[in-house]
Amino acid sequence: MKDFFNIPKPTFSFEIFPPKGPTGLDSIFATVDALASLAPDLISVTYGAGGTSRENTAEIASAIQNSYSIPALAHLTCVGNSFEQMEATLADLHSRGVKNILAMRGDKSGEYALTDFQHASELIKFIKDRYDFKIFAACYPEKHLEAPSMEEDIDHLAEKVANGADVLISQLFFKNDKFYSFRDKAREAGINVPIEAGIMPVTSASQIKRMVGMCGATIPDGLAKIIETYGHNSMAMREAGMAYATAQIVDLLANGVEGIHLYTMNQPDIAKNISESIRGILYSLRVKRG
């Protein structure tokens, strides 16, 4: 079994999302099969609003960890979880052999609210006080939408690390300079854990509008031009989006990023295309840094 924390840098990992109900598991395991064949260093499994995919997240993460022998990262959110519910979920994940957790606040809504946990930093401490999970946390190259300033957002991030976060994974972004500026500010604030870059290939014009609305990522002129030129043609937009993401990753790797976390949107063919494009670069950097 690989240990994510002993894998040479830079790492390369994938994110998938489980079905919300009991149906659809066959489809998601077909996706896992395809992604596993690409030998990622880790596969993360998201957690629906209010824990709507709680059981599926645990089952899929367990299979990735135990059947595929790939480190799994199970997402957990403060939203919709009491102390008792969280304790039960942690005990379940621990019993299944899952070793890594991404602890987040989650998106608040009218249906799913914060109860015993108000911030991700509280959840991180709760987990660290009880279990030996490795903890991943989210970070925001262009600050969290609710943060009044980047400086205050960095302060909250430092609290996550002080409470036990071992690795940070960034929200998606499309302008690498934003990531580099954020990384510099984090390091200046004494945040020294690995910071992995979260990359989402843009495969449709509607997708980008939805994602930007959710996270506030800047659309650089180059990407805007790509969307304007190819957005009317789904196949062309898909190809152009993969090319843009690949170029982002190549630049990030050249600038010393410690890991790439690819938001696959459960599309293994896109992950395969990008993986094959950067395989030689990853190998070269691992040999050089090893």
Protein backbone atom coordinates (compact mmCIF):
# COMPACT_ATOMS: atom_id res chain seq x y z
CA MET A 1 0.00 0.00 0.00
CA LYS A 2 1.36 3.39 -0.99
CA ASP A 3 1.60 6.09 1.66
CA PHE A 4 0.80 9.48 0.14
CA PHE A 5 3.24 11.17 2.49
CA ASN A 6 6.17 9.07 1.30
CA ILE A 7 5.56 9.63 -2.42
CA PRO A 8 8.19 11.75 -4.21
CA LYS A 9 7.09 15.28 -5.04
CA PRO A 10 5.38 16.61 -7.03
CA THR A 11 2.31 14.47 -6.45
CA PHE A 12 -0.57 14.02 -8.87
CA SER A 13 -4.05 13.22 -7.58
CA PHE A 14 -7.68 13.12 -8.68
CA GLU A 15 -11.04 14.12 -7.21
CA ILE A 16 -14.33 12.34 -7.87
CA PHE A 17 -17.84 12.81 -6.52
CA PRO A 18 -20.13 9.95 -5.45
CA PRO A 19 -23.79 9.50 -6.38
CA LYS A 20 -26.19 11.02 -3.87
CA GLY A 21 -28.39 7.94 -3.55
CA PRO A 22 -27.91 4.17 -3.51
CA THR A 23 -27.98 3.96 -7.30
CA GLY A 24 -25.03 4.88 -9.46
CA LEU A 25 -22.31 3.04 -7.57
CA ASP A 26 -21.58 0.77 -10.54
CA SER A 27 -20.94 3.83 -12.65
CA ILE A 28 -18.65 5.48 -10.12
CA PHE A 29 -16.63 2.29 -9.66
CA ALA A 30 -16.16 2.15 -13.43
CA THR A 31 -14.75 5.67 -13.12
CA VAL A 32 -12.48 4.55 -10.28
CA ASP A 33 -11.29 1.62 -12.42
CA ALA A 34 -10.33 3.98 -15.21
CA LEU A 35 -8.61 6.47 -12.90
CA ALA A 36 -6.77 3.73 -11.00
CA SER A 37 -5.21 2.56 -14.27
CA LEU A 38 -3.47 5.97 -14.44
CA ALA A 39 -1.65 5.24 -11.13
CA PRO A 40 -2.52 8.46 -9.29
CA ASP A 41 -0.91 9.19 -5.95
CA LEU A 42 -4.30 9.71 -4.29
CA ILE A 43 -8.01 9.83 -5.15
CA SER A 44 -10.31 12.07 -3.12
CA VAL A 45 -14.03 11.48 -2.73
CA THR A 46 -16.34 14.44 -2.11
CA TYR A 47 -19.10 14.67 0.47
CA GLY A 48 -22.50 15.99 -0.57
CA ALA A 49 -24.21 18.96 1.05
CA GLY A 50 -25.14 18.05 4.58
CA GLY A 51 -23.58 14.63 4.15
CA THR A 52 -26.10 13.50 1.53
CA SER A 53 -23.51 11.09 0.12
CA ARG A 54 -22.03 10.11 3.51
CA GLU A 55 -22.37 6.34 3.12
CA ASN A 56 -21.29 6.36 -0.52
CA THR A 57 -18.26 8.51 0.31
CA ALA A 58 -17.14 6.03 2.96
CA GLU A 59 -17.77 3.00 0.75
CA ILE A 60 -15.95 4.44 -2.27
CA ALA A 61 -13.01 5.74 -0.22
CA SER A 62 -12.70 2.35 1.48
CA ALA A 63 -12.62 0.54 -1.87
CA ILE A 64 -9.99 2.92 -3.26
CA GLN A 65 -7.84 2.40 -0.17
CA ASN A 66 -8.25 -1.35 0.23
CA SER A 67 -9.20 -2.85 -3.14
CA TYR A 68 -7.20 -0.57 -5.42
CA SER A 69 -4.29 0.05 -3.00
CA ILE A 70 -4.38 3.78 -3.78
CA PRO A 71 -4.42 6.30 -0.92
CA ALA A 72 -7.97 7.61 -0.49
CA LEU A 73 -9.00 11.01 0.80
CA ALA A 74 -12.50 11.19 2.27
CA HIS A 75 -14.11 14.63 2.45
CA LEU A 76 -15.96 15.70 5.60
CA THR A 77 -17.86 18.93 6.23
CA CYS A 78 -18.96 20.85 9.29
CA VAL A 79 -22.31 21.58 7.64
CA GLY A 80 -25.00 19.13 8.66
CA ASN A 81 -22.86 17.33 11.27
CA SER A 82 -23.16 17.32 15.04
CA PHE A 83 -20.37 16.11 17.34
CA GLU A 84 -22.12 12.74 17.63
CA GLN A 85 -22.61 12.34 13.89
CA MET A 86 -19.00 13.29 13.21
CA GLU A 87 -17.72 10.85 15.82
CA ALA A 88 -19.72 8.05 14.22
CA THR A 89 -18.45 8.95 10.73
CA LEU A 90 -14.84 9.09 11.89
CA ALA A 91 -15.15 5.73 13.63
CA ASP A 92 -16.60 4.24 10.45
CA LEU A 93 -13.82 5.61 8.25
CA HIS A 94 -11.17 4.45 10.72
CA SER A 95 -12.64 0.95 10.83
CA ARG A 96 -12.56 0.82 7.01
CA GLY A 97 -8.85 1.65 6.91
CA VAL A 98 -9.22 5.12 5.37
CA LYS A 99 -6.24 7.19 6.51
CA ASN A 100 -6.76 10.66 5.03
CA ILE A 101 -9.54 13.22 5.52
CA LEU A 102 -10.21 16.56 3.84
CA ALA A 103 -11.87 18.66 6.56
CA MET A 104 -13.96 21.59 5.32
CA ARG A 105 -16.70 23.86 6.57
CA GLY A 106 -18.92 23.15 3.57
CA ASP A 107 -21.46 25.36 1.85
CA LYS A 108 -24.19 26.74 4.07
CA SER A 109 -27.77 26.65 2.82
CA GLY A 110 -31.26 26.88 4.20
CA GLU A 111 -31.59 23.11 4.34
CA TYR A 112 -28.12 22.30 5.66
CA ALA A 113 -26.78 24.47 8.45
CA LEU A 114 -23.81 24.66 10.78
CA THR A 115 -24.49 23.15 14.20
CA ASP A 116 -21.71 22.04 16.55
CA PHE A 117 -18.88 22.98 14.17
CA GLN A 118 -18.67 26.54 12.89
CA HIS A 119 -15.30 26.46 11.13
CA ALA A 120 -13.05 23.92 9.44
CA SER A 121 -10.34 24.67 12.00
CA GLU A 122 -12.66 23.35 14.74
CA LEU A 123 -13.32 20.16 12.80
CA ILE A 124 -9.60 19.67 12.20
CA LYS A 125 -8.87 19.93 15.93
CA PHE A 126 -11.77 17.59 16.75
CA ILE A 127 -10.34 14.94 14.43
CA LYS A 128 -6.72 15.37 15.55
CA ASP A 129 -7.69 15.09 19.20
CA ARG A 130 -9.29 11.69 18.58
CA TYR A 131 -7.64 9.91 15.65
CA ASP A 132 -4.40 9.59 13.74
CA PHE A 133 -5.85 10.56 10.34
CA LYS A 134 -3.73 12.76 8.11
CA ILE A 135 -5.71 15.96 7.62
CA PHE A 136 -6.01 17.90 4.38
CA ALA A 137 -7.65 21.34 4.31
CA ALA A 138 -8.88 23.70 1.62
CA CYS A 139 -7.21 26.97 0.68
CA TYR A 140 -8.25 29.76 -1.66
CA PRO A 141 -5.75 31.44 -4.02
CA GLU A 142 -8.16 34.32 -4.56
CA LYS A 143 -9.48 34.18 -0.97
CA HIS A 144 -12.72 32.60 0.21
CA LEU A 145 -15.77 34.45 -1.10
CA GLU A 146 -16.86 35.26 2.46
CA ALA A 147 -13.46 36.49 3.66
CA PRO A 148 -13.22 40.30 3.95
CA SER A 149 -9.57 40.28 2.83
CA MET A 150 -6.79 37.96 1.73
CA GLU A 151 -4.90 38.78 4.93
CA GLU A 152 -7.78 37.60 7.12
CA ASP A 153 -8.21 34.49 4.97
CA ILE A 154 -4.51 33.66 5.44
CA ASP A 155 -4.95 34.09 9.20
CA HIS A 156 -7.78 31.53 9.16
CA LEU A 157 -5.61 29.22 7.06
CA ALA A 158 -2.79 29.49 9.60
CA GLU A 159 -5.28 28.45 12.29
CA LYS A 160 -6.19 25.35 10.29
CA VAL A 161 -2.52 24.41 10.11
CA ALA A 162 -1.94 25.17 13.80
CA ASN A 163 -4.86 22.84 14.63
CA GLY A 164 -3.34 19.98 12.67
CA ALA A 165 -3.79 20.33 8.88
CA ASP A 166 -0.97 18.40 7.18
CA VAL A 167 -1.60 19.39 3.54
CA LEU A 168 -3.52 22.16 1.79
CA ILE A 169 -5.40 21.72 -1.49
CA SER A 170 -6.41 24.85 -3.35
CA GLN A 171 -9.75 25.82 -4.76
CA LEU A 172 -9.74 25.83 -8.55
CA PHE A 173 -8.12 28.79 -10.29
CA PHE A 174 -7.32 29.68 -13.88
CA LYS A 175 -4.57 32.26 -13.47
CA ASN A 176 -1.34 30.82 -12.11
CA ASP A 177 -0.05 34.20 -10.94
CA LYS A 178 -2.92 34.24 -8.42
CA PHE A 179 -1.69 30.92 -7.01
CA TYR A 180 1.94 32.06 -6.82
CA SER A 181 0.99 35.27 -5.03
CA PHE A 182 -1.16 33.34 -2.56
CA ARG A 183 1.61 30.78 -1.97
CA ASP A 184 4.11 33.54 -1.23
CA LYS A 185 1.74 35.17 1.27
CA ALA A 186 1.09 31.82 2.98
CA ARG A 187 4.81 31.12 3.33
CA GLU A 188 5.40 34.64 4.68
CA ALA A 189 2.74 33.91 7.31
CA GLY A 190 4.65 30.83 8.45
CA ILE A 191 2.44 28.26 6.71
CA ASN A 192 4.96 25.61 5.69
CA VAL A 193 2.85 22.53 4.92
CA PRO A 194 2.60 21.38 1.27
CA ILE A 195 0.20 23.43 -0.86
CA GLU A 196 -1.27 21.52 -3.79
CA ALA A 197 -2.80 23.28 -6.78
CA GLY A 198 -6.40 22.38 -7.62
CA ILE A 199 -6.97 22.39 -11.39
CA MET A 200 -10.30 21.98 -13.16
CA PRO A 201 -10.29 21.55 -16.95
CA VAL A 202 -12.97 23.75 -18.53
CA THR A 203 -14.98 21.54 -20.88
CA SER A 204 -18.06 23.70 -21.51
CA ALA A 205 -19.00 27.37 -21.43
CA SER A 206 -21.90 26.73 -19.04
CA GLN A 207 -19.61 24.84 -16.68
CA ILE A 208 -17.22 27.76 -16.31
CA LYS A 209 -20.04 30.20 -15.59
CA ARG A 210 -21.41 27.92 -12.87
CA MET A 211 -18.04 27.28 -11.24
CA VAL A 212 -16.96 30.91 -11.28
CA GLY A 213 -20.26 31.86 -9.69
CA MET A 214 -19.58 29.39 -6.88
CA CYS A 215 -15.96 30.25 -6.14
CA GLY A 216 -15.22 33.64 -7.71
CA ALA A 217 -12.18 32.53 -9.73
CA THR A 218 -10.77 35.09 -12.16
CA ILE A 219 -11.13 34.31 -15.87
CA PRO A 220 -7.93 35.49 -17.58
CA ASP A 221 -8.13 37.04 -21.03
CA GLY A 222 -6.60 33.99 -22.69
CA LEU A 223 -9.22 31.64 -21.27
CA ALA A 224 -12.03 34.12 -22.02
CA LYS A 225 -10.89 34.16 -25.65
CA ILE A 226 -10.88 30.36 -25.76
CA ILE A 227 -14.44 30.27 -24.42
CA GLU A 228 -15.55 32.94 -26.89
CA THR A 229 -13.98 31.10 -29.82
CA TYR A 230 -14.83 27.48 -29.01
CA GLY A 231 -17.73 27.67 -26.54
CA HIS A 232 -20.35 27.01 -29.23
CA ASN A 233 -18.75 23.68 -30.17
CA SER A 234 -18.69 21.09 -27.38
CA MET A 235 -15.91 18.97 -28.88
CA ALA A 236 -13.67 21.94 -29.64
CA MET A 237 -14.30 23.44 -26.18
CA ARG A 238 -13.42 20.14 -24.55
CA GLU A 239 -10.13 19.90 -26.45
CA ALA A 240 -9.26 23.53 -25.80
CA GLY A 241 -10.14 23.23 -22.10
CA MET A 242 -7.86 20.21 -21.67
CA ALA A 243 -5.05 22.04 -23.48
CA TYR A 244 -5.46 25.09 -21.23
CA ALA A 245 -5.42 22.96 -18.05
CA THR A 246 -2.36 21.08 -19.27
CA ALA A 247 -0.52 24.34 -19.95
CA GLN A 248 -1.44 25.54 -16.45
CA ILE A 249 -0.05 22.35 -14.93
CA VAL A 250 3.19 22.48 -16.93
CA ASP A 251 3.79 26.03 -15.71
CA LEU A 252 2.92 25.15 -12.10
CA LEU A 253 5.31 22.21 -12.12
CA ALA A 254 8.07 24.38 -13.56
CA ASN A 255 7.50 26.79 -10.67
CA GLY A 256 7.92 24.21 -7.94
CA VAL A 257 4.35 23.30 -7.02
CA GLU A 258 4.28 20.40 -4.56
CA GLY A 259 1.29 18.67 -6.09
CA ILE A 260 -1.48 18.86 -8.67
CA HIS A 261 -5.00 17.89 -7.64
CA LEU A 262 -7.17 17.41 -10.73
CA TYR A 263 -10.91 17.98 -10.39
CA THR A 264 -12.00 15.27 -12.84
CA MET A 265 -15.78 15.86 -12.70
CA ASN A 266 -15.99 12.04 -13.02
CA GLN A 267 -14.64 12.18 -16.58
CA PRO A 268 -11.70 9.74 -16.66
CA ASP A 269 -10.98 10.37 -20.34
CA ILE A 270 -10.04 13.95 -19.49
CA ALA A 271 -7.84 12.77 -16.63
CA LYS A 272 -6.20 10.27 -18.99
CA ASN A 273 -5.49 12.91 -21.63
CA ILE A 274 -3.86 15.27 -19.13
CA SER A 275 -2.00 12.48 -17.29
CA GLU A 276 -0.42 11.26 -20.51
CA SER A 277 0.58 14.80 -21.47
CA ILE A 278 2.52 15.43 -18.24
CA ARG A 279 3.78 11.93 -17.35
CA GLY A 280 7.30 12.58 -18.60
CA ILE A 281 7.48 15.95 -16.83
CA LEU A 282 6.38 14.44 -13.50
CA TYR A 283 8.91 11.65 -13.80
CA SER A 284 11.73 14.06 -14.61
CA LEU A 285 10.91 16.31 -11.65
CA ARG A 286 10.64 13.41 -9.23
CA VAL A 287 14.02 12.09 -10.29
CA LYS A 288 15.54 15.57 -10.03
CA ARG A 289 14.04 16.31 -6.59
CA GLY A 290 14.49 12.76 -5.32
